[in-house]
Amino acid sequence: MSEQRQQPDSDQLRRGLAHWMHHLTWAALLFLLTLFFNDFIADRRNPNRNLSLTSQSAGEVVLQRNRDGHYIAPGLINGEPVTFLLDTGATQVSVPEALAEKIGLERGRRQQTMTANGVISVHSTRLESVRLGGIELRNVAASINPHMVGDTVLLGMSFMQHLDMVQRAGTLRLSVPAP
């Protein structure tokens, strides 16, 4: 009689363990799929997110356009990591106010500027250095924009006017002109 009691208990234990292993397998699979698709989505939003890890020659950067048609890339302002959205329609580099405070930018004089949404007030500032891949420029004019949401910096013409730009087939090549 005692053997019959032990047998069902061990079968029940095995079934319970198999049940939990089945759930753990599915949880692990879902976790791995989540990691894969998060990476996939991040690459679609910003195919240049590993720009600093890739080998870029000094004075040149090659960017891939994202699925929305924009060029987004990591960079540095005064040595602090930021995300840039290249914007040839922006006169200056435009830094969201919360990010400007976080990286310690000084507010300059208040000024009016024209945006796609109309005229707004911003504060002028100067950036000691702006780095995008192998390109670094110093003393770049910028504005601190209290109306911008998020941490993405618009990399405007106060930076890009000093570069040669060639756009072809979803790729933008930026380079410092030869002296």
N, C-alpha and C. Protein backbone atom coordinates (compact mmCIF):
# COMPACT_ATOMS: atom_id res chain seq x y z
N MET A 1 0.80 -1.18 0.00
CA MET A 1 0.00 0.00 0.00
C MET A 1 0.86 1.27 0.00
N SER A 2 1.94 1.25 0.74
CA SER A 2 2.81 2.42 0.79
C SER A 2 3.46 2.69 -0.57
N GLU A 3 3.71 1.62 -1.36
CA GLU A 3 4.29 1.82 -2.69
C GLU A 3 3.32 2.56 -3.60
N GLN A 4 2.01 2.25 -3.46
CA GLN A 4 1.03 2.92 -4.30
C GLN A 4 0.93 4.41 -3.97
N ARG A 5 1.09 4.74 -2.71
CA ARG A 5 1.04 6.16 -2.32
C ARG A 5 2.26 6.90 -2.84
N GLN A 6 3.43 6.29 -2.81
CA GLN A 6 4.65 6.95 -3.29
C GLN A 6 4.61 7.14 -4.80
N GLN A 7 4.11 6.21 -5.53
CA GLN A 7 4.07 6.29 -6.99
C GLN A 7 3.24 7.48 -7.46
N PRO A 8 1.99 7.63 -6.98
CA PRO A 8 1.22 8.79 -7.45
C PRO A 8 1.86 10.12 -7.04
N ASP A 9 2.49 10.17 -5.87
CA ASP A 9 3.14 11.41 -5.45
C ASP A 9 4.29 11.77 -6.38
N SER A 10 5.11 10.82 -6.80
CA SER A 10 6.24 11.11 -7.69
C SER A 10 5.73 11.46 -9.09
N ASP A 11 4.65 10.80 -9.56
CA ASP A 11 4.07 11.16 -10.86
C ASP A 11 3.51 12.59 -10.81
N GLN A 12 2.86 12.90 -9.72
CA GLN A 12 2.29 14.23 -9.55
C GLN A 12 3.40 15.28 -9.51
N LEU A 13 4.49 14.94 -8.83
CA LEU A 13 5.63 15.86 -8.76
C LEU A 13 6.22 16.09 -10.15
N ARG A 14 6.39 14.99 -10.94
CA ARG A 14 6.93 15.11 -12.30
C ARG A 14 6.00 15.95 -13.18
N ARG A 15 4.71 15.72 -13.07
CA ARG A 15 3.76 16.49 -13.88
C ARG A 15 3.80 17.97 -13.49
N GLY A 16 3.88 18.24 -12.21
CA GLY A 16 3.96 19.63 -11.75
C GLY A 16 5.23 20.30 -12.24
N LEU A 17 6.35 19.57 -12.17
CA LEU A 17 7.62 20.10 -12.66
C LEU A 17 7.57 20.35 -14.17
N ALA A 18 7.00 19.41 -14.90
CA ALA A 18 6.86 19.57 -16.36
C ALA A 18 5.99 20.77 -16.68
N HIS A 19 4.94 20.95 -15.92
CA HIS A 19 4.04 22.09 -16.10
C HIS A 19 4.81 23.41 -15.92
N TRP A 20 5.59 23.52 -14.85
CA TRP A 20 6.38 24.74 -14.59
C TRP A 20 7.47 24.93 -15.63
N MET A 21 8.10 23.85 -16.09
CA MET A 21 9.13 23.96 -17.14
C MET A 21 8.50 24.46 -18.44
N HIS A 22 7.31 24.00 -18.72
CA HIS A 22 6.58 24.46 -19.91
C HIS A 22 6.35 25.97 -19.82
N HIS A 23 5.90 26.46 -18.68
CA HIS A 23 5.68 27.90 -18.49
C HIS A 23 6.99 28.68 -18.55
N LEU A 24 8.03 28.17 -17.95
CA LEU A 24 9.34 28.84 -17.99
C LEU A 24 9.88 28.92 -19.41
N THR A 25 9.68 27.87 -20.19
CA THR A 25 10.13 27.87 -21.58
C THR A 25 9.42 28.97 -22.37
N TRP A 26 8.10 29.07 -22.20
CA TRP A 26 7.36 30.11 -22.89
C TRP A 26 7.76 31.51 -22.41
N ALA A 27 7.99 31.66 -21.13
CA ALA A 27 8.42 32.96 -20.60
C ALA A 27 9.78 33.34 -21.18
N ALA A 28 10.70 32.38 -21.25
CA ALA A 28 12.03 32.65 -21.82
C ALA A 28 11.92 33.02 -23.29
N LEU A 29 11.07 32.31 -24.02
CA LEU A 29 10.88 32.62 -25.44
C LEU A 29 10.30 34.02 -25.63
N LEU A 30 9.31 34.37 -24.84
CA LEU A 30 8.73 35.72 -24.93
C LEU A 30 9.75 36.79 -24.58
N PHE A 31 10.57 36.53 -23.58
CA PHE A 31 11.62 37.47 -23.19
C PHE A 31 12.60 37.69 -24.33
N LEU A 32 13.06 36.60 -24.95
CA LEU A 32 14.01 36.70 -26.07
C LEU A 32 13.39 37.41 -27.27
N LEU A 33 12.13 37.12 -27.56
CA LEU A 33 11.45 37.82 -28.65
C LEU A 33 11.31 39.31 -28.36
N THR A 34 11.02 39.66 -27.12
CA THR A 34 10.92 41.06 -26.73
C THR A 34 12.26 41.77 -26.94
N LEU A 35 13.35 41.14 -26.51
CA LEU A 35 14.67 41.74 -26.73
C LEU A 35 14.96 41.93 -28.21
N PHE A 36 14.65 40.91 -29.01
CA PHE A 36 14.90 41.00 -30.45
C PHE A 36 14.11 42.13 -31.08
N PHE A 37 12.79 42.19 -30.79
CA PHE A 37 11.96 43.20 -31.44
C PHE A 37 12.23 44.60 -30.90
N ASN A 38 12.61 44.74 -29.65
CA ASN A 38 13.02 46.06 -29.15
C ASN A 38 14.24 46.55 -29.90
N ASP A 39 15.19 45.67 -30.13
CA ASP A 39 16.39 46.01 -30.90
C ASP A 39 16.02 46.34 -32.34
N PHE A 40 15.14 45.55 -32.93
CA PHE A 40 14.68 45.75 -34.29
C PHE A 40 14.01 47.12 -34.44
N ILE A 41 13.13 47.45 -33.50
CA ILE A 41 12.42 48.74 -33.55
C ILE A 41 13.39 49.89 -33.34
N ALA A 42 14.33 49.74 -32.42
CA ALA A 42 15.33 50.78 -32.18
C ALA A 42 16.18 51.01 -33.42
N ASP A 43 16.54 49.95 -34.14
CA ASP A 43 17.31 50.09 -35.37
C ASP A 43 16.51 50.80 -36.45
N ARG A 44 15.21 50.56 -36.50
CA ARG A 44 14.38 51.23 -37.50
C ARG A 44 14.25 52.72 -37.19
N ARG A 45 14.14 53.06 -35.89
CA ARG A 45 14.03 54.46 -35.49
C ARG A 45 15.37 55.17 -35.66
N ASN A 46 16.45 54.51 -35.28
CA ASN A 46 17.77 55.12 -35.34
C ASN A 46 18.80 54.10 -35.81
N PRO A 47 18.94 53.94 -37.13
CA PRO A 47 19.91 52.98 -37.65
C PRO A 47 21.36 53.38 -37.36
N ASN A 48 21.56 54.58 -36.86
CA ASN A 48 22.91 55.08 -36.56
C ASN A 48 23.23 55.04 -35.08
N ARG A 49 22.43 54.34 -34.29
CA ARG A 49 22.58 54.39 -32.84
C ARG A 49 23.92 53.87 -32.35
N ASN A 50 24.61 53.07 -33.13
CA ASN A 50 25.94 52.58 -32.75
C ASN A 50 27.05 53.34 -33.46
N LEU A 51 26.75 54.57 -33.86
CA LEU A 51 27.70 55.39 -34.62
C LEU A 51 29.03 55.52 -33.91
N SER A 52 29.02 55.75 -32.61
CA SER A 52 30.28 55.95 -31.89
C SER A 52 31.09 54.66 -31.82
N LEU A 53 30.43 53.50 -32.01
CA LEU A 53 31.13 52.22 -31.97
C LEU A 53 31.73 51.85 -33.32
N THR A 54 31.18 52.43 -34.40
CA THR A 54 31.67 52.10 -35.73
C THR A 54 32.91 52.93 -36.03
N SER A 55 33.70 52.44 -36.94
CA SER A 55 34.92 53.17 -37.27
C SER A 55 34.58 54.27 -38.27
N GLN A 56 34.67 55.47 -37.83
CA GLN A 56 34.45 56.65 -38.67
C GLN A 56 35.78 57.37 -38.78
N SER A 57 36.13 57.74 -40.00
CA SER A 57 37.38 58.47 -40.15
C SER A 57 37.19 59.89 -39.61
N ALA A 58 38.28 60.47 -39.14
CA ALA A 58 38.23 61.83 -38.60
C ALA A 58 37.75 62.77 -39.69
N GLY A 59 36.80 63.62 -39.34
CA GLY A 59 36.32 64.62 -40.29
C GLY A 59 35.26 64.12 -41.24
N GLU A 60 34.75 62.90 -41.03
CA GLU A 60 33.70 62.37 -41.91
C GLU A 60 32.74 61.47 -41.14
N VAL A 61 31.46 61.54 -41.52
CA VAL A 61 30.43 60.69 -40.93
C VAL A 61 29.49 60.25 -42.06
N VAL A 62 29.11 58.99 -42.03
CA VAL A 62 28.12 58.46 -42.97
C VAL A 62 26.93 57.98 -42.16
N LEU A 63 25.75 58.55 -42.44
CA LEU A 63 24.54 58.22 -41.70
C LEU A 63 23.53 57.54 -42.61
N GLN A 64 22.75 56.64 -42.03
CA GLN A 64 21.65 55.97 -42.73
C GLN A 64 20.35 56.66 -42.34
N ARG A 65 19.48 56.85 -43.31
CA ARG A 65 18.17 57.45 -43.06
C ARG A 65 17.28 56.42 -42.36
N ASN A 66 16.47 56.87 -41.38
CA ASN A 66 15.56 55.93 -40.71
C ASN A 66 14.30 55.74 -41.55
N ARG A 67 13.43 54.88 -41.11
CA ARG A 67 12.24 54.55 -41.90
C ARG A 67 11.30 55.73 -42.08
N ASP A 68 11.41 56.76 -41.22
CA ASP A 68 10.60 57.96 -41.36
C ASP A 68 11.26 59.01 -42.26
N GLY A 69 12.45 58.70 -42.77
CA GLY A 69 13.15 59.62 -43.67
C GLY A 69 14.05 60.60 -42.97
N HIS A 70 14.30 60.41 -41.67
CA HIS A 70 15.14 61.33 -40.90
C HIS A 70 16.51 60.73 -40.63
N TYR A 71 17.45 61.60 -40.36
CA TYR A 71 18.79 61.17 -39.95
C TYR A 71 18.94 61.45 -38.46
N ILE A 72 19.00 60.40 -37.69
CA ILE A 72 19.13 60.49 -36.23
C ILE A 72 20.42 59.78 -35.86
N ALA A 73 21.18 60.39 -34.94
CA ALA A 73 22.47 59.79 -34.56
C ALA A 73 22.88 60.24 -33.16
N PRO A 74 23.66 59.41 -32.49
CA PRO A 74 24.19 59.83 -31.19
C PRO A 74 25.35 60.79 -31.39
N GLY A 75 25.56 61.63 -30.39
CA GLY A 75 26.68 62.56 -30.45
C GLY A 75 26.98 63.09 -29.06
N LEU A 76 27.78 64.14 -29.03
CA LEU A 76 28.18 64.75 -27.77
C LEU A 76 28.04 66.26 -27.86
N ILE A 77 27.54 66.86 -26.78
CA ILE A 77 27.58 68.31 -26.61
C ILE A 77 28.38 68.55 -25.34
N ASN A 78 29.48 69.28 -25.48
CA ASN A 78 30.38 69.56 -24.35
C ASN A 78 30.75 68.27 -23.61
N GLY A 79 30.93 67.20 -24.37
CA GLY A 79 31.33 65.91 -23.79
C GLY A 79 30.20 65.09 -23.23
N GLU A 80 28.98 65.60 -23.25
CA GLU A 80 27.81 64.88 -22.71
C GLU A 80 27.07 64.19 -23.85
N PRO A 81 26.68 62.92 -23.66
CA PRO A 81 25.98 62.18 -24.73
C PRO A 81 24.57 62.72 -24.98
N VAL A 82 24.24 62.87 -26.26
CA VAL A 82 22.92 63.33 -26.68
C VAL A 82 22.52 62.56 -27.94
N THR A 83 21.26 62.73 -28.34
CA THR A 83 20.78 62.19 -29.61
C THR A 83 20.45 63.37 -30.50
N PHE A 84 21.00 63.36 -31.71
CA PHE A 84 20.77 64.43 -32.68
C PHE A 84 19.75 64.00 -33.73
N LEU A 85 18.92 64.95 -34.14
CA LEU A 85 18.08 64.83 -35.32
C LEU A 85 18.57 65.91 -36.26
N LEU A 86 19.17 65.52 -37.39
CA LEU A 86 19.69 66.50 -38.32
C LEU A 86 18.54 67.25 -38.96
N ASP A 87 18.61 68.59 -38.92
CA ASP A 87 17.52 69.44 -39.38
C ASP A 87 18.09 70.62 -40.15
N THR A 88 18.12 70.49 -41.48
CA THR A 88 18.66 71.58 -42.31
C THR A 88 17.73 72.79 -42.32
N GLY A 89 16.51 72.63 -41.84
CA GLY A 89 15.58 73.76 -41.75
C GLY A 89 15.74 74.57 -40.49
N ALA A 90 16.55 74.07 -39.55
CA ALA A 90 16.79 74.80 -38.30
C ALA A 90 18.03 75.68 -38.48
N THR A 91 17.90 76.95 -38.14
CA THR A 91 19.02 77.89 -38.27
C THR A 91 20.16 77.52 -37.33
N GLN A 92 19.81 77.14 -36.11
CA GLN A 92 20.82 76.82 -35.10
C GLN A 92 20.57 75.43 -34.52
N VAL A 93 21.55 74.96 -33.77
CA VAL A 93 21.35 73.77 -32.96
C VAL A 93 20.32 74.16 -31.90
N SER A 94 19.30 73.32 -31.72
CA SER A 94 18.23 73.63 -30.77
C SER A 94 18.18 72.54 -29.71
N VAL A 95 18.41 72.94 -28.46
CA VAL A 95 18.50 72.00 -27.33
C VAL A 95 17.25 72.14 -26.46
N PRO A 96 16.56 71.03 -26.18
CA PRO A 96 15.43 71.12 -25.26
C PRO A 96 15.87 71.66 -23.90
N GLU A 97 15.03 72.48 -23.30
CA GLU A 97 15.39 73.15 -22.05
C GLU A 97 15.79 72.15 -20.94
N ALA A 98 15.04 71.08 -20.78
CA ALA A 98 15.35 70.10 -19.71
C ALA A 98 16.73 69.48 -19.93
N LEU A 99 17.07 69.19 -21.18
CA LEU A 99 18.39 68.63 -21.48
C LEU A 99 19.48 69.68 -21.26
N ALA A 100 19.20 70.92 -21.64
CA ALA A 100 20.17 72.00 -21.44
C ALA A 100 20.52 72.16 -19.97
N GLU A 101 19.51 72.09 -19.11
CA GLU A 101 19.75 72.18 -17.66
C GLU A 101 20.57 70.98 -17.18
N LYS A 102 20.22 69.81 -17.68
CA LYS A 102 20.90 68.58 -17.27
C LYS A 102 22.39 68.60 -17.62
N ILE A 103 22.74 69.15 -18.78
CA ILE A 103 24.15 69.15 -19.19
C ILE A 103 24.85 70.48 -18.86
N GLY A 104 24.14 71.37 -18.18
CA GLY A 104 24.76 72.59 -17.66
C GLY A 104 25.00 73.71 -18.66
N LEU A 105 24.11 73.87 -19.63
CA LEU A 105 24.27 74.97 -20.59
C LEU A 105 23.80 76.27 -19.96
N GLU A 106 24.51 77.36 -20.26
CA GLU A 106 24.15 78.68 -19.74
C GLU A 106 23.15 79.35 -20.67
N ARG A 107 22.10 79.89 -20.06
CA ARG A 107 21.11 80.66 -20.82
C ARG A 107 21.68 82.02 -21.17
N GLY A 108 21.55 82.37 -22.44
CA GLY A 108 21.94 83.71 -22.88
C GLY A 108 20.71 84.59 -22.98
N ARG A 109 20.80 85.56 -23.85
CA ARG A 109 19.68 86.49 -24.00
C ARG A 109 18.47 85.80 -24.62
N ARG A 110 17.32 86.33 -24.27
CA ARG A 110 16.05 85.81 -24.80
C ARG A 110 15.91 86.35 -26.23
N GLN A 111 15.42 85.50 -27.13
CA GLN A 111 15.22 85.94 -28.51
C GLN A 111 14.01 85.23 -29.11
N GLN A 112 13.46 85.81 -30.14
CA GLN A 112 12.32 85.23 -30.86
C GLN A 112 12.87 84.44 -32.05
N THR A 113 12.24 83.29 -32.30
CA THR A 113 12.66 82.50 -33.45
C THR A 113 11.42 81.92 -34.13
N MET A 114 11.52 81.71 -35.42
CA MET A 114 10.41 81.19 -36.21
C MET A 114 10.55 79.67 -36.30
N THR A 115 9.48 78.96 -35.98
CA THR A 115 9.45 77.50 -36.12
C THR A 115 8.30 77.13 -37.05
N ALA A 116 8.17 75.85 -37.32
CA ALA A 116 7.05 75.38 -38.15
C ALA A 116 5.72 75.67 -37.47
N ASN A 117 5.72 75.83 -36.16
CA ASN A 117 4.49 76.11 -35.41
C ASN A 117 4.32 77.58 -35.07
N GLY A 118 5.15 78.43 -35.64
CA GLY A 118 5.03 79.86 -35.37
C GLY A 118 6.23 80.42 -34.62
N VAL A 119 6.10 81.65 -34.15
CA VAL A 119 7.18 82.35 -33.45
C VAL A 119 7.17 81.94 -31.97
N ILE A 120 8.36 81.61 -31.45
CA ILE A 120 8.50 81.26 -30.03
C ILE A 120 9.69 81.99 -29.44
N SER A 121 9.74 82.03 -28.11
CA SER A 121 10.88 82.61 -27.39
C SER A 121 11.82 81.50 -26.98
N VAL A 122 13.12 81.72 -27.22
CA VAL A 122 14.16 80.78 -26.81
C VAL A 122 15.29 81.59 -26.18
N HIS A 123 16.26 80.90 -25.62
CA HIS A 123 17.45 81.57 -25.07
C HIS A 123 18.66 81.17 -25.90
N SER A 124 19.48 82.15 -26.24
CA SER A 124 20.70 81.84 -26.98
C SER A 124 21.73 81.21 -26.04
N THR A 125 22.62 80.42 -26.61
CA THR A 125 23.72 79.82 -25.85
C THR A 125 24.84 79.49 -26.83
N ARG A 126 26.00 79.18 -26.30
CA ARG A 126 27.14 78.74 -27.13
C ARG A 126 27.55 77.38 -26.61
N LEU A 127 27.85 76.48 -27.53
CA LEU A 127 28.29 75.14 -27.17
C LEU A 127 29.80 75.07 -27.37
N GLU A 128 30.51 74.70 -26.30
CA GLU A 128 31.98 74.59 -26.40
C GLU A 128 32.36 73.63 -27.51
N SER A 129 31.69 72.47 -27.54
CA SER A 129 31.99 71.49 -28.59
C SER A 129 30.74 70.69 -28.93
N VAL A 130 30.66 70.35 -30.21
CA VAL A 130 29.61 69.47 -30.71
C VAL A 130 30.31 68.40 -31.52
N ARG A 131 30.03 67.14 -31.15
CA ARG A 131 30.69 66.02 -31.84
C ARG A 131 29.64 65.07 -32.40
N LEU A 132 29.83 64.74 -33.68
CA LEU A 132 29.01 63.77 -34.39
C LEU A 132 29.97 62.82 -35.09
N GLY A 133 30.10 61.60 -34.56
CA GLY A 133 31.05 60.65 -35.14
C GLY A 133 32.45 61.22 -35.13
N GLY A 134 33.10 61.25 -36.30
CA GLY A 134 34.47 61.75 -36.41
C GLY A 134 34.57 63.25 -36.63
N ILE A 135 33.45 63.96 -36.51
CA ILE A 135 33.45 65.42 -36.72
C ILE A 135 33.21 66.12 -35.39
N GLU A 136 34.10 67.06 -35.07
CA GLU A 136 33.91 67.87 -33.87
C GLU A 136 34.12 69.33 -34.24
N LEU A 137 33.14 70.17 -33.88
CA LEU A 137 33.24 71.61 -34.09
C LEU A 137 33.18 72.29 -32.74
N ARG A 138 33.83 73.43 -32.63
CA ARG A 138 33.89 74.18 -31.37
C ARG A 138 33.17 75.52 -31.51
N ASN A 139 32.70 76.04 -30.37
CA ASN A 139 32.06 77.34 -30.29
C ASN A 139 30.88 77.45 -31.27
N VAL A 140 29.92 76.56 -31.11
CA VAL A 140 28.77 76.48 -32.01
C VAL A 140 27.59 77.25 -31.39
N ALA A 141 26.97 78.11 -32.21
CA ALA A 141 25.78 78.85 -31.77
C ALA A 141 24.62 77.89 -31.62
N ALA A 142 23.82 78.10 -30.56
CA ALA A 142 22.68 77.22 -30.30
C ALA A 142 21.60 78.00 -29.58
N SER A 143 20.45 77.36 -29.42
CA SER A 143 19.38 77.94 -28.63
C SER A 143 18.85 76.89 -27.67
N ILE A 144 18.38 77.38 -26.53
CA ILE A 144 17.73 76.53 -25.54
C ILE A 144 16.23 76.75 -25.72
N ASN A 145 15.53 75.67 -26.07
CA ASN A 145 14.13 75.77 -26.43
C ASN A 145 13.23 75.19 -25.33
N PRO A 146 12.49 76.03 -24.62
CA PRO A 146 11.61 75.54 -23.55
C PRO A 146 10.37 74.82 -24.07
N HIS A 147 10.11 74.87 -25.37
CA HIS A 147 8.91 74.26 -25.95
C HIS A 147 9.15 72.86 -26.49
N MET A 148 10.39 72.42 -26.52
CA MET A 148 10.71 71.09 -27.04
C MET A 148 10.48 70.03 -25.97
N VAL A 149 9.87 68.93 -26.37
CA VAL A 149 9.62 67.82 -25.47
C VAL A 149 10.63 66.72 -25.80
N GLY A 150 11.14 66.04 -24.79
CA GLY A 150 12.08 64.95 -25.02
C GLY A 150 13.52 65.41 -24.91
N ASP A 151 14.42 64.53 -25.30
CA ASP A 151 15.85 64.80 -25.19
C ASP A 151 16.56 64.86 -26.54
N THR A 152 15.83 64.90 -27.63
CA THR A 152 16.46 64.94 -28.95
C THR A 152 16.83 66.37 -29.31
N VAL A 153 18.08 66.56 -29.71
CA VAL A 153 18.61 67.87 -30.09
C VAL A 153 18.49 68.02 -31.60
N LEU A 154 17.93 69.15 -32.05
CA LEU A 154 17.91 69.44 -33.49
C LEU A 154 19.28 69.97 -33.89
N LEU A 155 19.95 69.24 -34.75
CA LEU A 155 21.28 69.65 -35.20
C LEU A 155 21.10 70.51 -36.44
N GLY A 156 21.06 71.82 -36.21
CA GLY A 156 20.75 72.78 -37.27
C GLY A 156 21.97 73.28 -38.01
N MET A 157 21.74 74.31 -38.80
CA MET A 157 22.75 74.82 -39.72
C MET A 157 23.92 75.52 -39.04
N SER A 158 23.79 75.94 -37.79
CA SER A 158 24.95 76.54 -37.12
C SER A 158 26.07 75.51 -36.98
N PHE A 159 25.74 74.23 -37.05
CA PHE A 159 26.73 73.15 -37.08
C PHE A 159 26.98 72.69 -38.52
N MET A 160 25.91 72.40 -39.23
CA MET A 160 26.06 71.75 -40.55
C MET A 160 26.55 72.68 -41.66
N GLN A 161 26.45 74.00 -41.47
CA GLN A 161 26.93 74.92 -42.51
C GLN A 161 28.44 74.81 -42.72
N HIS A 162 29.14 74.25 -41.77
CA HIS A 162 30.58 74.11 -41.86
C HIS A 162 31.01 72.79 -42.52
N LEU A 163 30.03 72.02 -43.00
CA LEU A 163 30.31 70.69 -43.54
C LEU A 163 29.87 70.58 -44.99
N ASP A 164 30.51 69.67 -45.71
CA ASP A 164 30.02 69.26 -47.02
C ASP A 164 29.02 68.14 -46.79
N MET A 165 27.88 68.18 -47.51
CA MET A 165 26.85 67.17 -47.34
C MET A 165 26.50 66.57 -48.69
N VAL A 166 26.49 65.23 -48.74
CA VAL A 166 26.08 64.53 -49.95
C VAL A 166 25.07 63.47 -49.54
N GLN A 167 23.86 63.59 -50.11
CA GLN A 167 22.80 62.64 -49.80
C GLN A 167 22.52 61.80 -51.05
N ARG A 168 22.54 60.48 -50.86
CA ARG A 168 22.29 59.59 -51.99
C ARG A 168 21.75 58.26 -51.47
N ALA A 169 20.63 57.83 -52.00
CA ALA A 169 20.05 56.50 -51.74
C ALA A 169 19.92 56.19 -50.25
N GLY A 170 19.37 57.12 -49.48
CA GLY A 170 19.14 56.87 -48.06
C GLY A 170 20.36 57.00 -47.19
N THR A 171 21.44 57.55 -47.74
CA THR A 171 22.69 57.73 -47.00
C THR A 171 23.09 59.20 -47.07
N LEU A 172 23.52 59.74 -45.94
CA LEU A 172 24.02 61.11 -45.89
C LEU A 172 25.47 61.07 -45.45
N ARG A 173 26.33 61.63 -46.30
CA ARG A 173 27.76 61.71 -45.99
C ARG A 173 28.09 63.15 -45.62
N LEU A 174 28.57 63.34 -44.39
CA LEU A 174 28.98 64.64 -43.91
C LEU A 174 30.50 64.63 -43.78
N SER A 175 31.12 65.70 -44.23
CA SER A 175 32.58 65.77 -44.11
C SER A 175 33.03 67.21 -43.94
N VAL A 176 34.15 67.36 -43.26
CA VAL A 176 34.76 68.68 -43.09
C VAL A 176 35.47 69.00 -44.40
N PRO A 177 35.16 70.16 -45.00
CA PRO A 177 35.81 70.50 -46.28
C PRO A 177 37.32 70.61 -46.13
N ALA A 178 38.01 70.24 -47.19
CA ALA A 178 39.48 70.36 -47.20
C ALA A 178 39.84 71.83 -47.21
N PRO A 179 40.90 72.19 -46.45
CA PRO A 179 41.28 73.62 -46.38
C PRO A 179 41.79 74.14 -47.71
